[in-house]
Amino acid sequence: MRSGDDFRHTIRRGAKGVQPTLVTHVVPGTGGPTSVGFVVSKAVGSAVDRNRVKRQLRHLMRDRIDRLPDGSRVVVRALPAAHGVRSATLAEHLDAALARAGAR
C-alpha cells in the first residue's frame, strides 16, 4: 500500500485493533491481492529506531498475510511504546490486534 488515499480509507473505514505497542486497521477484502501498509511516526524514535520497528513489523506480517482474506487492506500503526520491544512481544501484540480487528 503506497497511496495516501488508501491509507486514509483503511484507517477511517477499517475495523480497529488496539494493543500497547501498535494499532491495526483492517478492511476485509473482496478478492485480489492483500495490501499492507505501515505507519511509524517520529514519536517512536530516531530514523534508525523507526526503520528497525518497520523491519520487525514487515517480517511479522509476512508470516501472517496468508491468514487474511484475499484483497484485504491492513494498516499497522506503531505506537511510541514499540521502540525497543522484542519481536516476540510485537508478534503477540500484532496477533491480538489483528484478531480484535476481525482479521483472523
N, C-alpha and C. Protein backbone atom coordinates (compact mmCIF):
# COMPACT_ATOMS: atom_id res chain seq x y z
N MET A 1 0.85 -1.16 0.00
CA MET A 1 0.00 0.00 0.00
C MET A 1 0.90 1.23 0.00
N ARG A 2 0.67 2.12 -0.95
CA ARG A 2 1.54 3.29 -1.07
C ARG A 2 0.78 4.61 -1.10
N SER A 3 -0.43 4.58 -1.58
CA SER A 3 -1.21 5.80 -1.77
C SER A 3 -1.75 6.33 -0.44
N GLY A 4 -1.66 7.63 -0.27
CA GLY A 4 -2.21 8.25 0.92
C GLY A 4 -3.71 8.04 1.03
N ASP A 5 -4.39 8.00 -0.12
CA ASP A 5 -5.84 7.75 -0.12
C ASP A 5 -6.15 6.35 0.40
N ASP A 6 -5.33 5.37 0.02
CA ASP A 6 -5.52 4.00 0.52
C ASP A 6 -5.35 3.95 2.04
N PHE A 7 -4.32 4.63 2.55
CA PHE A 7 -4.10 4.67 3.99
C PHE A 7 -5.29 5.33 4.69
N ARG A 8 -5.73 6.49 4.19
CA ARG A 8 -6.84 7.22 4.81
C ARG A 8 -8.12 6.38 4.81
N HIS A 9 -8.42 5.75 3.67
CA HIS A 9 -9.62 4.93 3.58
C HIS A 9 -9.56 3.78 4.57
N THR A 10 -8.44 3.11 4.66
CA THR A 10 -8.30 1.96 5.55
C THR A 10 -8.41 2.39 7.01
N ILE A 11 -7.78 3.50 7.36
CA ILE A 11 -7.82 3.96 8.75
C ILE A 11 -9.22 4.44 9.13
N ARG A 12 -9.90 5.11 8.23
CA ARG A 12 -11.24 5.64 8.54
C ARG A 12 -12.32 4.57 8.52
N ARG A 13 -12.24 3.64 7.59
CA ARG A 13 -13.31 2.66 7.40
C ARG A 13 -13.02 1.29 8.02
N GLY A 14 -11.77 1.03 8.34
CA GLY A 14 -11.40 -0.29 8.81
C GLY A 14 -11.72 -0.55 10.27
N ALA A 15 -11.85 -1.82 10.60
CA ALA A 15 -12.01 -2.23 11.99
C ALA A 15 -10.68 -2.06 12.69
N LYS A 16 -10.73 -1.61 13.94
CA LYS A 16 -9.51 -1.26 14.66
C LYS A 16 -9.23 -2.27 15.76
N GLY A 17 -7.95 -2.65 15.87
CA GLY A 17 -7.47 -3.49 16.96
C GLY A 17 -6.34 -2.76 17.66
N VAL A 18 -6.50 -2.51 18.96
CA VAL A 18 -5.54 -1.70 19.71
C VAL A 18 -4.78 -2.58 20.70
N GLN A 19 -3.48 -2.39 20.75
CA GLN A 19 -2.59 -3.05 21.70
C GLN A 19 -1.62 -2.00 22.23
N PRO A 20 -0.85 -2.31 23.28
CA PRO A 20 0.05 -1.29 23.86
C PRO A 20 1.12 -0.77 22.91
N THR A 21 1.55 -1.57 21.93
CA THR A 21 2.64 -1.14 21.06
C THR A 21 2.21 -0.80 19.64
N LEU A 22 0.97 -1.16 19.27
CA LEU A 22 0.54 -0.92 17.89
C LEU A 22 -0.97 -0.91 17.77
N VAL A 23 -1.42 -0.37 16.65
CA VAL A 23 -2.84 -0.34 16.30
C VAL A 23 -2.96 -0.87 14.88
N THR A 24 -3.93 -1.76 14.66
CA THR A 24 -4.17 -2.25 13.30
C THR A 24 -5.53 -1.76 12.83
N HIS A 25 -5.61 -1.45 11.55
CA HIS A 25 -6.86 -1.09 10.89
C HIS A 25 -7.02 -2.07 9.73
N VAL A 26 -8.16 -2.75 9.67
CA VAL A 26 -8.36 -3.80 8.66
C VAL A 26 -9.67 -3.57 7.92
N VAL A 27 -9.58 -3.54 6.59
CA VAL A 27 -10.77 -3.53 5.73
C VAL A 27 -10.78 -4.89 5.03
N PRO A 28 -11.84 -5.70 5.27
CA PRO A 28 -11.88 -7.02 4.66
C PRO A 28 -11.86 -6.95 3.14
N GLY A 29 -11.30 -7.97 2.54
CA GLY A 29 -11.13 -7.97 1.09
C GLY A 29 -12.28 -8.60 0.34
N THR A 30 -12.30 -8.31 -0.95
CA THR A 30 -13.29 -8.90 -1.84
C THR A 30 -12.61 -9.57 -3.01
N GLY A 31 -11.37 -9.93 -2.84
CA GLY A 31 -10.60 -10.55 -3.91
C GLY A 31 -9.43 -9.69 -4.30
N GLY A 32 -8.51 -10.28 -5.02
CA GLY A 32 -7.31 -9.55 -5.41
C GLY A 32 -6.22 -9.69 -4.37
N PRO A 33 -5.12 -9.01 -4.58
CA PRO A 33 -4.01 -9.14 -3.63
C PRO A 33 -4.26 -8.37 -2.34
N THR A 34 -3.79 -8.92 -1.25
CA THR A 34 -3.87 -8.25 0.05
C THR A 34 -2.76 -7.21 0.12
N SER A 35 -3.09 -6.03 0.64
CA SER A 35 -2.07 -4.99 0.76
C SER A 35 -1.94 -4.56 2.22
N VAL A 36 -0.69 -4.30 2.60
CA VAL A 36 -0.37 -3.92 3.98
C VAL A 36 0.48 -2.66 3.94
N GLY A 37 0.18 -1.72 4.83
CA GLY A 37 0.97 -0.51 4.95
C GLY A 37 1.36 -0.30 6.40
N PHE A 38 2.45 0.41 6.62
CA PHE A 38 2.96 0.65 7.96
C PHE A 38 3.11 2.14 8.20
N VAL A 39 2.75 2.57 9.41
CA VAL A 39 2.91 3.95 9.82
C VAL A 39 3.74 3.94 11.09
N VAL A 40 4.92 4.56 11.03
CA VAL A 40 5.79 4.65 12.20
C VAL A 40 6.21 6.11 12.31
N SER A 41 5.64 6.82 13.28
CA SER A 41 5.88 8.26 13.39
C SER A 41 7.20 8.55 14.10
N LYS A 42 7.59 9.82 14.05
CA LYS A 42 8.83 10.24 14.70
C LYS A 42 8.77 10.09 16.22
N ALA A 43 7.57 9.95 16.76
CA ALA A 43 7.44 9.74 18.20
C ALA A 43 8.04 8.41 18.64
N VAL A 44 8.19 7.48 17.70
CA VAL A 44 8.77 6.17 18.02
C VAL A 44 10.26 6.29 18.31
N GLY A 45 10.94 7.23 17.66
CA GLY A 45 12.36 7.41 17.91
C GLY A 45 13.07 7.96 16.69
N SER A 46 14.37 7.79 16.69
CA SER A 46 15.19 8.27 15.57
C SER A 46 14.89 7.46 14.31
N ALA A 47 15.45 7.88 13.20
CA ALA A 47 15.24 7.18 11.93
C ALA A 47 15.69 5.72 12.03
N VAL A 48 16.77 5.49 12.72
CA VAL A 48 17.28 4.12 12.89
C VAL A 48 16.26 3.29 13.67
N ASP A 49 15.72 3.87 14.74
CA ASP A 49 14.73 3.15 15.56
C ASP A 49 13.45 2.89 14.77
N ARG A 50 12.99 3.89 14.03
CA ARG A 50 11.76 3.72 13.24
C ARG A 50 11.94 2.64 12.18
N ASN A 51 13.06 2.64 11.50
CA ASN A 51 13.31 1.62 10.47
C ASN A 51 13.40 0.23 11.07
N ARG A 52 13.98 0.13 12.26
CA ARG A 52 14.06 -1.18 12.93
C ARG A 52 12.65 -1.70 13.24
N VAL A 53 11.81 -0.82 13.77
CA VAL A 53 10.43 -1.22 14.08
C VAL A 53 9.70 -1.62 12.80
N LYS A 54 9.88 -0.85 11.72
CA LYS A 54 9.24 -1.20 10.44
C LYS A 54 9.71 -2.56 9.93
N ARG A 55 11.01 -2.81 10.03
CA ARG A 55 11.53 -4.11 9.57
C ARG A 55 10.94 -5.25 10.39
N GLN A 56 10.86 -5.06 11.70
CA GLN A 56 10.28 -6.10 12.55
C GLN A 56 8.82 -6.36 12.16
N LEU A 57 8.06 -5.29 11.98
CA LEU A 57 6.64 -5.44 11.64
C LEU A 57 6.45 -6.07 10.26
N ARG A 58 7.27 -5.67 9.29
CA ARG A 58 7.19 -6.28 7.95
C ARG A 58 7.45 -7.78 8.02
N HIS A 59 8.46 -8.16 8.78
CA HIS A 59 8.80 -9.58 8.92
C HIS A 59 7.64 -10.34 9.57
N LEU A 60 7.06 -9.76 10.61
CA LEU A 60 5.96 -10.43 11.29
C LEU A 60 4.72 -10.54 10.39
N MET A 61 4.43 -9.51 9.62
CA MET A 61 3.26 -9.55 8.73
C MET A 61 3.47 -10.54 7.59
N ARG A 62 4.70 -10.71 7.17
CA ARG A 62 4.99 -11.67 6.09
C ARG A 62 4.49 -13.07 6.48
N ASP A 63 4.62 -13.42 7.76
CA ASP A 63 4.18 -14.73 8.23
C ASP A 63 2.66 -14.82 8.40
N ARG A 64 1.99 -13.68 8.50
CA ARG A 64 0.57 -13.66 8.80
C ARG A 64 -0.32 -13.28 7.62
N ILE A 65 0.25 -12.84 6.53
CA ILE A 65 -0.54 -12.32 5.42
C ILE A 65 -1.43 -13.39 4.78
N ASP A 66 -1.02 -14.65 4.84
CA ASP A 66 -1.82 -15.73 4.27
C ASP A 66 -3.10 -15.97 5.06
N ARG A 67 -3.14 -15.55 6.31
CA ARG A 67 -4.32 -15.75 7.15
C ARG A 67 -5.42 -14.74 6.85
N LEU A 68 -5.08 -13.67 6.14
CA LEU A 68 -6.04 -12.61 5.84
C LEU A 68 -6.83 -12.96 4.59
N PRO A 69 -8.10 -12.53 4.53
CA PRO A 69 -8.88 -12.76 3.30
C PRO A 69 -8.24 -12.05 2.11
N ASP A 70 -8.35 -12.65 0.93
CA ASP A 70 -7.80 -12.03 -0.28
C ASP A 70 -8.38 -10.64 -0.48
N GLY A 71 -7.53 -9.71 -0.84
CA GLY A 71 -7.96 -8.35 -1.12
C GLY A 71 -8.09 -7.45 0.10
N SER A 72 -7.75 -7.96 1.27
CA SER A 72 -7.83 -7.14 2.48
C SER A 72 -6.82 -6.01 2.43
N ARG A 73 -7.15 -4.94 3.12
CA ARG A 73 -6.22 -3.83 3.29
C ARG A 73 -5.95 -3.70 4.78
N VAL A 74 -4.68 -3.64 5.13
CA VAL A 74 -4.28 -3.56 6.54
C VAL A 74 -3.30 -2.42 6.71
N VAL A 75 -3.53 -1.60 7.73
CA VAL A 75 -2.56 -0.58 8.13
C VAL A 75 -2.14 -0.92 9.55
N VAL A 76 -0.83 -1.03 9.76
CA VAL A 76 -0.27 -1.28 11.08
C VAL A 76 0.43 0.01 11.51
N ARG A 77 -0.08 0.61 12.60
CA ARG A 77 0.49 1.86 13.09
C ARG A 77 1.23 1.58 14.39
N ALA A 78 2.54 1.82 14.38
CA ALA A 78 3.36 1.59 15.57
C ALA A 78 3.20 2.76 16.53
N LEU A 79 3.05 2.46 17.80
CA LEU A 79 2.96 3.48 18.83
C LEU A 79 4.35 3.70 19.44
N PRO A 80 4.57 4.81 20.13
CA PRO A 80 5.89 5.06 20.72
C PRO A 80 6.40 3.93 21.61
N ALA A 81 5.50 3.18 22.23
CA ALA A 81 5.90 2.07 23.09
C ALA A 81 6.55 0.93 22.31
N ALA A 82 6.45 0.94 20.97
CA ALA A 82 7.05 -0.13 20.15
C ALA A 82 8.57 -0.04 20.12
N HIS A 83 9.12 1.11 20.46
CA HIS A 83 10.57 1.29 20.43
C HIS A 83 11.23 0.39 21.47
N GLY A 84 12.15 -0.42 21.02
CA GLY A 84 12.93 -1.27 21.92
C GLY A 84 12.23 -2.54 22.38
N VAL A 85 11.05 -2.82 21.86
CA VAL A 85 10.31 -4.01 22.27
C VAL A 85 10.81 -5.21 21.47
N ARG A 86 10.91 -6.35 22.13
CA ARG A 86 11.37 -7.57 21.46
C ARG A 86 10.36 -8.02 20.41
N SER A 87 10.85 -8.72 19.41
CA SER A 87 9.99 -9.19 18.31
C SER A 87 8.90 -10.12 18.80
N ALA A 88 9.20 -10.94 19.79
CA ALA A 88 8.20 -11.87 20.31
C ALA A 88 7.01 -11.11 20.91
N THR A 89 7.29 -10.03 21.60
CA THR A 89 6.22 -9.21 22.18
C THR A 89 5.42 -8.53 21.08
N LEU A 90 6.13 -7.99 20.08
CA LEU A 90 5.43 -7.37 18.94
C LEU A 90 4.55 -8.40 18.24
N ALA A 91 5.03 -9.63 18.11
CA ALA A 91 4.26 -10.69 17.46
C ALA A 91 2.96 -10.96 18.23
N GLU A 92 3.06 -11.04 19.55
CA GLU A 92 1.86 -11.27 20.37
C GLU A 92 0.87 -10.13 20.21
N HIS A 93 1.39 -8.89 20.25
CA HIS A 93 0.52 -7.73 20.11
C HIS A 93 -0.10 -7.66 18.72
N LEU A 94 0.66 -8.00 17.70
CA LEU A 94 0.14 -7.98 16.33
C LEU A 94 -0.97 -9.02 16.16
N ASP A 95 -0.75 -10.23 16.67
CA ASP A 95 -1.77 -11.27 16.58
C ASP A 95 -3.06 -10.84 17.29
N ALA A 96 -2.90 -10.28 18.49
CA ALA A 96 -4.07 -9.85 19.26
C ALA A 96 -4.80 -8.70 18.56
N ALA A 97 -4.05 -7.75 18.01
CA ALA A 97 -4.66 -6.61 17.32
C ALA A 97 -5.40 -7.06 16.06
N LEU A 98 -4.80 -7.97 15.30
CA LEU A 98 -5.47 -8.48 14.10
C LEU A 98 -6.74 -9.25 14.47
N ALA A 99 -6.68 -10.02 15.55
CA ALA A 99 -7.86 -10.76 16.00
C ALA A 99 -8.97 -9.79 16.43
N ARG A 100 -8.60 -8.74 17.15
CA ARG A 100 -9.59 -7.75 17.59
C ARG A 100 -10.21 -7.02 16.41
N ALA A 101 -9.43 -6.81 15.37
CA ALA A 101 -9.94 -6.11 14.18
C ALA A 101 -10.72 -7.05 13.27
N GLY A 102 -10.79 -8.32 13.64
CA GLY A 102 -11.58 -9.26 12.86
C GLY A 102 -10.85 -9.90 11.71
N ALA A 103 -9.53 -9.80 11.68
CA ALA A 103 -8.74 -10.40 10.59
C ALA A 103 -8.15 -11.71 11.07
N ARG A 104 -8.98 -12.70 11.29
CA ARG A 104 -8.50 -13.97 11.82
C ARG A 104 -7.96 -14.85 10.74
